[in-house]
Structure formats: structure tokens, C-alpha cells
């Protein structure tokens, strides 16, 4: 016998009667069931949160500064040189012990 794959999962939430009534009314006005309404609203908010975390918005001036720094990076300072040397030493030692 082959196990069937569940295509849907259940999400439950406890709400006050007042919240349920509000959600029910909004769902009815939009022509959806309360479950459809809640899922769509939650999904819309999830997309908004994810987009806000994944997209960085810069002013034109800030974007110009970033692009200018990418195209014309400043010379490395002493701290950066020391960090690069430490990184190189660490990984060259790591590689020699794993051979």
C-alpha cells in the first residue's frame, strides 16, 4: 500500500467572539468563507513582511554612493589588511591539516 501525501495542513487559532464576529463579517462582505478570508489575509501580510525584509530601499543619493563605492572601492586600511592576513593564515592552516 502506498502512503498518500497530505497536500494541506491545518492551522488553528483561538480568538475572542468579538474577533470572530469581525472576521466573519469581513469574510462575508468579501464573498469568502472565514477560513479563506483568514488564509488570504495572513498570506498577504506574510508577503509584505518577507518583502520588507528582503528589499532594501535607498534614496537616489544613497544608491549613487553605493554604486560609486562598488566601482571605486577605497584602499584597504590597516585593520582590513590584518583581517585579510588572519583569514588567509587560518584557512591555509585548515587546508593543510585536512589533506
PDB file of N, CA and C in Angstrom:
ATOM      1  N   UNK A   1       0.839  -1.188   0.000  1.00  0.00           N
ATOM      2  CA  UNK A   1       0.000   0.000   0.000  1.00  0.00           C
ATOM      3  C   UNK A   1       0.880   1.246   0.000  1.00  0.00           C
ATOM      4  N   UNK A   2       0.573   2.218  -0.828  1.00  0.00           N
ATOM      5  CA  UNK A   2       1.334   3.458  -0.939  1.00  0.00           C
ATOM      6  C   UNK A   2       0.748   4.505   0.004  1.00  0.00           C
ATOM      7  N   UNK A   3       1.626   5.157   0.792  1.00  0.00           N
ATOM      8  CA  UNK A   3       1.160   6.230   1.673  1.00  0.00           C
ATOM      9  C   UNK A   3       0.771   7.435   0.837  1.00  0.00           C
ATOM     10  N   UNK A   4      -0.391   7.977   1.123  1.00  0.00           N
ATOM     11  CA  UNK A   4      -0.797   9.179   0.399  1.00  0.00           C
ATOM     12  C   UNK A   4      -0.125  10.397   1.026  1.00  0.00           C
ATOM     13  N   UNK A   5       0.198  11.360   0.202  1.00  0.00           N
ATOM     14  CA  UNK A   5       0.854  12.586   0.649  1.00  0.00           C
ATOM     15  C   UNK A   5      -0.214  13.621   0.959  1.00  0.00           C
ATOM     16  N   UNK A   6      -0.147  14.182   2.167  1.00  0.00           N
ATOM     17  CA  UNK A   6      -1.094  15.242   2.518  1.00  0.00           C
ATOM     18  C   UNK A   6      -0.746  16.505   1.752  1.00  0.00           C
ATOM     19  N   UNK A   7      -1.722  17.090   1.122  1.00  0.00           N
ATOM     20  CA  UNK A   7      -1.488  18.301   0.341  1.00  0.00           C
ATOM     21  C   UNK A   7      -1.841  19.547   1.123  1.00  0.00           C
ATOM     22  N   UNK A   8      -2.527  19.399   2.236  1.00  0.00           N
ATOM     23  CA  UNK A   8      -2.913  20.546   3.044  1.00  0.00           C
ATOM     24  C   UNK A   8      -2.666  20.236   4.512  1.00  0.00           C
ATOM     25  N   UNK A   9      -2.390  21.265   5.280  1.00  0.00           N
ATOM     26  CA  UNK A   9      -2.258  21.120   6.723  1.00  0.00           C
ATOM     27  C   UNK A   9      -3.220  22.083   7.393  1.00  0.00           C
ATOM     28  N   UNK A  10      -3.487  21.852   8.662  1.00  0.00           N
ATOM     29  CA  UNK A  10      -4.449  22.660   9.393  1.00  0.00           C
ATOM     30  C   UNK A  10      -3.710  23.651  10.290  1.00  0.00           C
ATOM     31  N   UNK A  11      -4.224  24.866  10.344  1.00  0.00           N
ATOM     32  CA  UNK A  11      -3.758  25.892  11.266  1.00  0.00           C
ATOM     33  C   UNK A  11      -4.963  26.303  12.101  1.00  0.00           C
ATOM     34  N   UNK A  12      -4.785  26.351  13.405  1.00  0.00           N
ATOM     35  CA  UNK A  12      -5.898  26.755  14.262  1.00  0.00           C
ATOM     36  C   UNK A  12      -5.493  27.973  15.080  1.00  0.00           C
ATOM     37  N   UNK A  13      -6.481  28.728  15.497  1.00  0.00           N
ATOM     38  CA  UNK A  13      -6.228  29.909  16.324  1.00  0.00           C
ATOM     39  C   UNK A  13      -7.407  30.123  17.255  1.00  0.00           C
ATOM     40  N   UNK A  14      -7.122  30.526  18.460  1.00  0.00           N
ATOM     41  CA  UNK A  14      -8.177  30.869  19.412  1.00  0.00           C
ATOM     42  C   UNK A  14      -8.365  32.386  19.365  1.00  0.00           C
ATOM     43  N   UNK A  15      -9.616  32.803  19.210  1.00  0.00           N
ATOM     44  CA  UNK A  15      -9.933  34.228  19.164  1.00  0.00           C
ATOM     45  C   UNK A  15     -11.149  34.490  20.041  1.00  0.00           C
ATOM     46  N   UNK A  16     -11.306  35.728  20.411  1.00  0.00           N
ATOM     47  CA  UNK A  16     -12.480  36.110  21.185  1.00  0.00           C
ATOM     48  C   UNK A  16     -13.706  36.101  20.263  1.00  0.00           C
ATOM     49  N   UNK A  17     -14.898  35.984  20.826  1.00  0.00           N
ATOM     50  CA  UNK A  17     -16.097  36.040  19.991  1.00  0.00           C
ATOM     51  C   UNK A  17     -16.188  37.329  19.182  1.00  0.00           C
ATOM     52  N   UNK A  18     -15.712  38.418  19.746  1.00  0.00           N
ATOM     53  CA  UNK A  18     -15.755  39.700  19.021  1.00  0.00           C
ATOM     54  C   UNK A  18     -14.856  39.666  17.787  1.00  0.00           C
ATOM     55  N   UNK A  19     -13.647  39.107  17.940  1.00  0.00           N
ATOM     56  CA  UNK A  19     -12.735  38.992  16.802  1.00  0.00           C
ATOM     57  C   UNK A  19     -13.343  38.065  15.751  1.00  0.00           C
ATOM     58  N   UNK A  20     -13.927  36.955  16.183  1.00  0.00           N
ATOM     59  CA  UNK A  20     -14.547  36.027  15.240  1.00  0.00           C
ATOM     60  C   UNK A  20     -15.680  36.708  14.474  1.00  0.00           C
ATOM     61  N   UNK A  21     -16.482  37.484  15.160  1.00  0.00           N
ATOM     62  CA  UNK A  21     -17.587  38.172  14.500  1.00  0.00           C
ATOM     63  C   UNK A  21     -17.072  39.162  13.459  1.00  0.00           C
ATOM     64  N   UNK A  22     -16.023  39.882  13.798  1.00  0.00           N
ATOM     65  CA  UNK A  22     -15.438  40.836  12.857  1.00  0.00           C
ATOM     66  C   UNK A  22     -14.892  40.122  11.634  1.00  0.00           C
ATOM     67  N   UNK A  23     -14.161  39.029  11.863  1.00  0.00           N
ATOM     68  CA  UNK A  23     -13.603  38.264  10.749  1.00  0.00           C
ATOM     69  C   UNK A  23     -14.711  37.666   9.885  1.00  0.00           C
ATOM     70  N   UNK A  24     -15.743  37.168  10.532  1.00  0.00           N
ATOM     71  CA  UNK A  24     -16.866  36.575   9.801  1.00  0.00           C
ATOM     72  C   UNK A  24     -17.559  37.618   8.930  1.00  0.00           C
ATOM     73  N   UNK A  25     -17.786  38.793   9.495  1.00  0.00           N
ATOM     74  CA  UNK A  25     -18.444  39.866   8.734  1.00  0.00           C
ATOM     75  C   UNK A  25     -17.604  40.278   7.531  1.00  0.00           C
ATOM     76  N   UNK A  26     -16.309  40.451   7.759  1.00  0.00           N
ATOM     77  CA  UNK A  26     -15.417  40.842   6.660  1.00  0.00           C
ATOM     78  C   UNK A  26     -15.369  39.754   5.589  1.00  0.00           C
ATOM     79  N   UNK A  27     -15.326  38.508   6.019  1.00  0.00           N
ATOM     80  CA  UNK A  27     -15.301  37.394   5.065  1.00  0.00           C
ATOM     81  C   UNK A  27     -16.570  37.395   4.211  1.00  0.00           C
ATOM     82  N   UNK A  28     -17.710  37.554   4.851  1.00  0.00           N
ATOM     83  CA  UNK A  28     -18.983  37.570   4.113  1.00  0.00           C
ATOM     84  C   UNK A  28     -19.034  38.712   3.120  1.00  0.00           C
ATOM     85  N   UNK A  29     -18.554  39.886   3.530  1.00  0.00           N
ATOM     86  CA  UNK A  29     -18.557  41.043   2.623  1.00  0.00           C
ATOM     87  C   UNK A  29     -17.633  40.833   1.421  1.00  0.00           C
ATOM     88  N   UNK A  30     -16.597  40.060   1.612  1.00  0.00           N
ATOM     89  CA  UNK A  30     -15.675  39.824   0.501  1.00  0.00           C
ATOM     90  C   UNK A  30     -16.040  38.573  -0.302  1.00  0.00           C
ATOM     91  N   UNK A  31     -17.100  37.881   0.111  1.00  0.00           N
ATOM     92  CA  UNK A  31     -17.549  36.715  -0.638  1.00  0.00           C
ATOM     93  C   UNK A  31     -16.717  35.469  -0.395  1.00  0.00           C
ATOM     94  N   UNK A  32     -16.100  35.379   0.765  1.00  0.00           N
ATOM     95  CA  UNK A  32     -15.249  34.236   1.086  1.00  0.00           C
ATOM     96  C   UNK A  32     -15.722  33.587   2.377  1.00  0.00           C
ATOM     97  N   UNK A  33     -15.275  32.361   2.579  1.00  0.00           N
ATOM     98  CA  UNK A  33     -15.519  31.748   3.878  1.00  0.00           C
ATOM     99  C   UNK A  33     -14.556  32.378   4.874  1.00  0.00           C
ATOM    100  N   UNK A  34     -14.824  32.187   6.151  1.00  0.00           N
ATOM    101  CA  UNK A  34     -13.925  32.759   7.154  1.00  0.00           C
ATOM    102  C   UNK A  34     -12.529  32.157   7.025  1.00  0.00           C
ATOM    103  N   UNK A  35     -12.441  30.869   6.726  1.00  0.00           N
ATOM    104  CA  UNK A  35     -11.123  30.244   6.541  1.00  0.00           C
ATOM    105  C   UNK A  35     -10.389  30.839   5.344  1.00  0.00           C
ATOM    106  N   UNK A  36     -11.080  30.993   4.222  1.00  0.00           N
ATOM    107  CA  UNK A  36     -10.451  31.588   3.039  1.00  0.00           C
ATOM    108  C   UNK A  36      -9.990  33.007   3.336  1.00  0.00           C
ATOM    109  N   UNK A  37     -10.839  33.763   4.019  1.00  0.00           N
ATOM    110  CA  UNK A  37     -10.506  35.149   4.344  1.00  0.00           C
ATOM    111  C   UNK A  37      -9.265  35.225   5.227  1.00  0.00           C
ATOM    112  N   UNK A  38      -9.222  34.400   6.270  1.00  0.00           N
ATOM    113  CA  UNK A  38      -8.082  34.420   7.195  1.00  0.00           C
ATOM    114  C   UNK A  38      -6.802  34.009   6.484  1.00  0.00           C
ATOM    115  N   UNK A  39      -6.865  32.956   5.683  1.00  0.00           N
ATOM    116  CA  UNK A  39      -5.665  32.499   4.976  1.00  0.00           C
ATOM    117  C   UNK A  39      -5.169  33.576   4.015  1.00  0.00           C
ATOM    118  N   UNK A  40      -6.078  34.183   3.264  1.00  0.00           N
ATOM    119  CA  UNK A  40      -5.669  35.217   2.313  1.00  0.00           C
ATOM    120  C   UNK A  40      -5.078  36.434   3.024  1.00  0.00           C
ATOM    121  N   UNK A  41      -5.698  36.843   4.126  1.00  0.00           N
ATOM    122  CA  UNK A  41      -5.187  37.993   4.877  1.00  0.00           C
ATOM    123  C   UNK A  41      -3.818  37.685   5.479  1.00  0.00           C
ATOM    124  N   UNK A  42      -3.677  36.487   6.038  1.00  0.00           N
ATOM    125  CA  UNK A  42      -2.397  36.101   6.632  1.00  0.00           C
ATOM    126  C   UNK A  42      -1.317  35.992   5.562  1.00  0.00           C
ATOM    127  N   UNK A  43      -1.670  35.428   4.420  1.00  0.00           N
ATOM    128  CA  UNK A  43      -0.706  35.283   3.332  1.00  0.00           C
ATOM    129  C   UNK A  43      -0.271  36.644   2.793  1.00  0.00           C
ATOM    130  N   UNK A  44      -1.222  37.557   2.656  1.00  0.00           N
ATOM    131  CA  UNK A  44      -0.902  38.913   2.194  1.00  0.00           C
ATOM    132  C   UNK A  44       0.077  39.584   3.159  1.00  0.00           C
ATOM    133  N   UNK A  45      -0.170  39.459   4.445  1.00  0.00           N
ATOM    134  CA  UNK A  45       0.721  40.047   5.453  1.00  0.00           C
ATOM    135  C   UNK A  45       2.074  39.356   5.456  1.00  0.00           C
ATOM    136  N   UNK A  46       2.094  38.041   5.274  1.00  0.00           N
ATOM    137  CA  UNK A  46       3.360  37.312   5.226  1.00  0.00           C
ATOM    138  C   UNK A  46       4.212  37.799   4.055  1.00  0.00           C
ATOM    139  N   UNK A  47       3.588  37.991   2.897  1.00  0.00           N
ATOM    140  CA  UNK A  47       4.322  38.508   1.739  1.00  0.00           C
ATOM    141  C   UNK A  47       4.865  39.912   2.017  1.00  0.00           C
ATOM    142  N   UNK A  48       4.088  40.747   2.680  1.00  0.00           N
ATOM    143  CA  UNK A  48       4.526  42.101   2.998  1.00  0.00           C
ATOM    144  C   UNK A  48       5.739  42.065   3.929  1.00  0.00           C
ATOM    145  N   UNK A  49       5.684  41.226   4.952  1.00  0.00           N
ATOM    146  CA  UNK A  49       6.797  41.117   5.904  1.00  0.00           C
ATOM    147  C   UNK A  49       8.052  40.600   5.202  1.00  0.00           C
ATOM    148  N   UNK A  50       7.898  39.557   4.397  1.00  0.00           N
ATOM    149  CA  UNK A  50       9.053  38.998   3.689  1.00  0.00           C
ATOM    150  C   UNK A  50       9.659  40.013   2.730  1.00  0.00           C
ATOM    151  N   UNK A  51       8.820  40.744   2.018  1.00  0.00           N
ATOM    152  CA  UNK A  51       9.321  41.750   1.080  1.00  0.00           C
ATOM    153  C   UNK A  51      10.067  42.851   1.824  1.00  0.00           C
ATOM    154  N   UNK A  52       9.534  43.266   2.965  1.00  0.00           N
ATOM    155  CA  UNK A  52      10.187  44.314   3.747  1.00  0.00           C
ATOM    156  C   UNK A  52      11.557  43.862   4.242  1.00  0.00           C
ATOM    157  N   UNK A  53      11.710  42.580   4.508  1.00  0.00           N
ATOM    158  CA  UNK A  53      12.989  42.059   4.984  1.00  0.00           C
ATOM    159  C   UNK A  53      13.978  41.799   3.852  1.00  0.00           C
ATOM    160  N   UNK A  54      13.478  41.530   2.667  1.00  0.00           N
ATOM    161  CA  UNK A  54      14.343  41.144   1.548  1.00  0.00           C
ATOM    162  C   UNK A  54      14.752  42.305   0.652  1.00  0.00           C
ATOM    163  N   UNK A  55      14.019  43.393   0.699  1.00  0.00           N
ATOM    164  CA  UNK A  55      14.277  44.504  -0.211  1.00  0.00           C
ATOM    165  C   UNK A  55      14.810  45.693   0.578  1.00  0.00           C
ATOM    166  N   UNK A  56      15.908  46.225   0.115  1.00  0.00           N
ATOM    167  CA  UNK A  56      16.491  47.419   0.723  1.00  0.00           C
ATOM    168  C   UNK A  56      16.158  48.594  -0.186  1.00  0.00           C
ATOM    169  N   UNK A  57      15.549  49.613   0.381  1.00  0.00           N
ATOM    170  CA  UNK A  57      15.182  50.782  -0.395  1.00  0.00           C
ATOM    171  C   UNK A  57      16.166  51.911  -0.078  1.00  0.00           C
ATOM    172  N   UNK A  58      16.760  52.448  -1.116  1.00  0.00           N
ATOM    173  CA  UNK A  58      17.717  53.541  -0.969  1.00  0.00           C
ATOM    174  C   UNK A  58      17.221  54.774  -1.714  1.00  0.00           C
ATOM    175  N   UNK A  59      17.600  55.916  -1.197  1.00  0.00           N
ATOM    176  CA  UNK A  59      17.331  57.136  -1.953  1.00  0.00           C
ATOM    177  C   UNK A  59      18.255  57.137  -3.165  1.00  0.00           C
ATOM    178  N   UNK A  60      17.976  57.986  -4.123  1.00  0.00           N
ATOM    179  CA  UNK A  60      18.829  58.079  -5.315  1.00  0.00           C
ATOM    180  C   UNK A  60      20.254  58.433  -4.918  1.00  0.00           C
ATOM    181  N   UNK A  61      20.401  59.328  -3.949  1.00  0.00           N
ATOM    182  CA  UNK A  61      21.735  59.743  -3.493  1.00  0.00           C
ATOM    183  C   UNK A  61      22.474  58.580  -2.834  1.00  0.00           C
ATOM    184  N   UNK A  62      21.771  57.824  -1.983  1.00  0.00           N
ATOM    185  CA  UNK A  62      22.396  56.678  -1.321  1.00  0.00           C
ATOM    186  C   UNK A  62      22.767  55.590  -2.327  1.00  0.00           C
ATOM    187  N   UNK A  63      21.895  55.347  -3.298  1.00  0.00           N
ATOM    188  CA  UNK A  63      22.195  54.353  -4.324  1.00  0.00           C
ATOM    189  C   UNK A  63      23.426  54.761  -5.128  1.00  0.00           C
ATOM    190  N   UNK A  64      23.517  56.042  -5.445  1.00  0.00           N
ATOM    191  CA  UNK A  64      24.683  56.541  -6.181  1.00  0.00           C
ATOM    192  C   UNK A  64      25.959  56.329  -5.369  1.00  0.00           C
ATOM    193  N   UNK A  65      25.881  56.566  -4.065  1.00  0.00           N
ATOM    194  CA  UNK A  65      27.041  56.361  -3.189  1.00  0.00           C
ATOM    195  C   UNK A  65      27.463  54.892  -3.189  1.00  0.00           C
ATOM    196  N   UNK A  66      26.493  53.983  -3.066  1.00  0.00           N
ATOM    197  CA  UNK A  66      26.808  52.552  -3.057  1.00  0.00           C
ATOM    198  C   UNK A  66      27.453  52.140  -4.375  1.00  0.00           C
ATOM    199  N   UNK A  67      26.858  52.525  -5.494  1.00  0.00           N
ATOM    200  CA  UNK A  67      27.411  52.155  -6.796  1.00  0.00           C
ATOM    201  C   UNK A  67      28.800  52.750  -7.003  1.00  0.00           C
ATOM    202  N   UNK A  68      28.997  53.962  -6.540  1.00  0.00           N
ATOM    203  CA  UNK A  68      30.308  54.597  -6.661  1.00  0.00           C
ATOM    204  C   UNK A  68      31.353  53.827  -5.846  1.00  0.00           C
ATOM    205  N   UNK A  69      30.982  53.381  -4.645  1.00  0.00           N
ATOM    206  CA  UNK A  69      31.916  52.616  -3.817  1.00  0.00           C
ATOM    207  C   UNK A  69      32.212  51.242  -4.417  1.00  0.00           C
ATOM    208  N   UNK A  70      31.224  50.652  -5.078  1.00  0.00           N
ATOM    209  CA  UNK A  70      31.460  49.366  -5.739  1.00  0.00           C
ATOM    210  C   UNK A  70      32.427  49.547  -6.903  1.00  0.00           C
ATOM    211  N   UNK A  71      32.218  50.592  -7.687  1.00  0.00           N
ATOM    212  CA  UNK A  71      33.064  50.827  -8.852  1.00  0.00           C
ATOM    213  C   UNK A  71      34.434  51.385  -8.484  1.00  0.00           C
ATOM    214  N   UNK A  72      34.504  52.135  -7.383  1.00  0.00           N
ATOM    215  CA  UNK A  72      35.757  52.762  -6.959  1.00  0.00           C
ATOM    216  C   UNK A  72      35.970  52.510  -5.467  1.00  0.00           C
ATOM    217  N   UNK A  73      36.295  51.258  -5.099  1.00  0.00           N
ATOM    218  CA  UNK A  73      36.439  50.968  -3.670  1.00  0.00           C
ATOM    219  C   UNK A  73      37.634  51.707  -3.071  1.00  0.00           C
ATOM    220  N   UNK A  74      37.519  52.102  -1.805  1.00  0.00           N
ATOM    221  CA  UNK A  74      38.647  52.769  -1.160  1.00  0.00           C
ATOM    222  C   UNK A  74      39.778  51.773  -0.919  1.00  0.00           C
ATOM    223  N   UNK A  75      40.984  52.296  -0.752  1.00  0.00           N
ATOM    224  CA  UNK A  75      42.133  51.433  -0.463  1.00  0.00           C
ATOM    225  C   UNK A  75      41.929  50.785   0.907  1.00  0.00           C
ATOM    226  N   UNK A  76      42.378  49.532   1.065  1.00  0.00           N
ATOM    227  CA  UNK A  76      42.196  48.867   2.360  1.00  0.00           C
ATOM    228  C   UNK A  76      43.009  49.561   3.457  1.00  0.00           C
ATOM    229  N   UNK A  77      42.386  49.691   4.643  1.00  0.00           N
ATOM    230  CA  UNK A  77      43.109  50.276   5.767  1.00  0.00           C
ATOM    231  C   UNK A  77      43.856  49.164   6.518  1.00  0.00           C
ATOM    232  N   UNK A  78      44.556  49.520   7.572  1.00  0.00           N
ATOM    233  CA  UNK A  78      45.379  48.548   8.294  1.00  0.00           C
ATOM    234  C   UNK A  78      44.543  47.436   8.932  1.00  0.00           C
ATOM    235  N   UNK A  79      43.384  47.776   9.470  1.00  0.00           N
ATOM    236  CA  UNK A  79      42.529  46.752  10.081  1.00  0.00           C
ATOM    237  C   UNK A  79      42.053  45.728   9.048  1.00  0.00           C
ATOM    238  N   UNK A  80      41.686  46.198   7.863  1.00  0.00           N
ATOM    239  CA  UNK A  80      41.244  45.291   6.813  1.00  0.00           C
ATOM    240  C   UNK A  80      42.402  44.410   6.343  1.00  0.00           C
ATOM    241  N   UNK A  81      43.587  44.989   6.198  1.00  0.00           N
ATOM    242  CA  UNK A  81      44.758  44.204   5.794  1.00  0.00           C
ATOM    243  C   UNK A  81      45.060  43.120   6.826  1.00  0.00           C
ATOM    244  N   UNK A  82      44.992  43.465   8.104  1.00  0.00           N
ATOM    245  CA  UNK A  82      45.257  42.497   9.167  1.00  0.00           C
ATOM    246  C   UNK A  82      44.203  41.389   9.163  1.00  0.00           C
ATOM    247  N   UNK A  83      42.945  41.748   8.960  1.00  0.00           N
ATOM    248  CA  UNK A  83      41.878  40.750   8.911  1.00  0.00           C
ATOM    249  C   UNK A  83      42.063  39.808   7.722  1.00  0.00           C
ATOM    250  N   UNK A  84      42.450  40.346   6.576  1.00  0.00           N
ATOM    251  CA  UNK A  84      42.674  39.519   5.387  1.00  0.00           C
ATOM    252  C   UNK A  84      43.829  38.551   5.615  1.00  0.00           C
ATOM    253  N   UNK A  85      44.895  39.022   6.255  1.00  0.00           N
ATOM    254  CA  UNK A  85      46.043  38.168   6.550  1.00  0.00           C
ATOM    255  C   UNK A  85      45.642  37.063   7.523  1.00  0.00           C
ATOM    256  N   UNK A  86      44.903  37.415   8.561  1.00  0.00           N
ATOM    257  CA  UNK A  86      44.448  36.434   9.546  1.00  0.00           C
ATOM    258  C   UNK A  86      43.552  35.386   8.878  1.00  0.00           C
ATOM    259  N   UNK A  87      42.660  35.819   8.003  1.00  0.00           N
ATOM    260  CA  UNK A  87      41.786  34.908   7.267  1.00  0.00           C
ATOM    261  C   UNK A  87      42.601  33.954   6.407  1.00  0.00           C
ATOM    262  N   UNK A  88      43.567  34.499   5.689  1.00  0.00           N
ATOM    263  CA  UNK A  88      44.398  33.684   4.801  1.00  0.00           C
ATOM    264  C   UNK A  88      45.185  32.655   5.611  1.00  0.00           C
ATOM    265  N   UNK A  89      45.757  33.077   6.734  1.00  0.00           N
ATOM    266  CA  UNK A  89      46.527  32.155   7.576  1.00  0.00           C
ATOM    267  C   UNK A  89      45.628  31.065   8.150  1.00  0.00           C
ATOM    268  N   UNK A  90      44.463  31.447   8.617  1.00  0.00           N
ATOM    269  CA  UNK A  90      43.540  30.486   9.223  1.00  0.00           C
ATOM    270  C   UNK A  90      43.144  29.415   8.222  1.00  0.00           C
ATOM    271  N   UNK A  91      42.770  29.838   7.019  1.00  0.00           N
ATOM    272  CA  UNK A  91      42.300  28.864   6.053  1.00  0.00           C
ATOM    273  C   UNK A  91      43.427  28.079   5.405  1.00  0.00           C
ATOM    274  N   UNK A  92      44.626  28.625   5.311  1.00  0.00           N
ATOM    275  CA  UNK A  92      45.732  27.849   4.779  1.00  0.00           C
ATOM    276  C   UNK A  92      46.135  26.783   5.795  1.00  0.00           C
ATOM    277  N   UNK A  93      46.042  27.075   7.102  1.00  0.00           N
ATOM    278  CA  UNK A  93      46.331  26.085   8.146  1.00  0.00           C
ATOM    279  C   UNK A  93      45.242  25.012   8.164  1.00  0.00           C
ATOM    280  N   UNK A  94      44.007  25.389   7.989  1.00  0.00           N
ATOM    281  CA  UNK A  94      42.891  24.438   7.995  1.00  0.00           C
ATOM    282  C   UNK A  94      43.020  23.463   6.832  1.00  0.00           C
ATOM    283  N   UNK A  95      43.395  23.971   5.673  1.00  0.00           N
ATOM    284  CA  UNK A  95      43.503  23.131   4.496  1.00  0.00           C
ATOM    285  C   UNK A  95      44.669  22.157   4.597  1.00  0.00           C
ATOM    286  N   UNK A  96      45.764  22.560   5.240  1.00  0.00           N
ATOM    287  CA  UNK A  96      46.917  21.678   5.325  1.00  0.00           C
ATOM    288  C   UNK A  96      46.674  20.519   6.284  1.00  0.00           C
ATOM    289  N   UNK A  97      45.790  20.680   7.265  1.00  0.00           N
ATOM    290  CA  UNK A  97      45.515  19.598   8.222  1.00  0.00           C
ATOM    291  C   UNK A  97      44.477  18.606   7.700  1.00  0.00           C
ATOM    292  N   UNK A  98      43.728  18.981   6.687  1.00  0.00           N
ATOM    293  CA  UNK A  98      42.690  18.088   6.177  1.00  0.00           C
ATOM    294  C   UNK A  98      43.169  17.252   4.997  1.00  0.00           C
ATOM    295  N   UNK A  99      44.392  17.432   4.576  1.00  0.00           N
ATOM    296  CA  UNK A  99      44.905  16.701   3.408  1.00  0.00           C
ATOM    297  C   UNK A  99      45.348  15.337   3.738  1.00  0.00           C
TER     298      UNK A  99
END
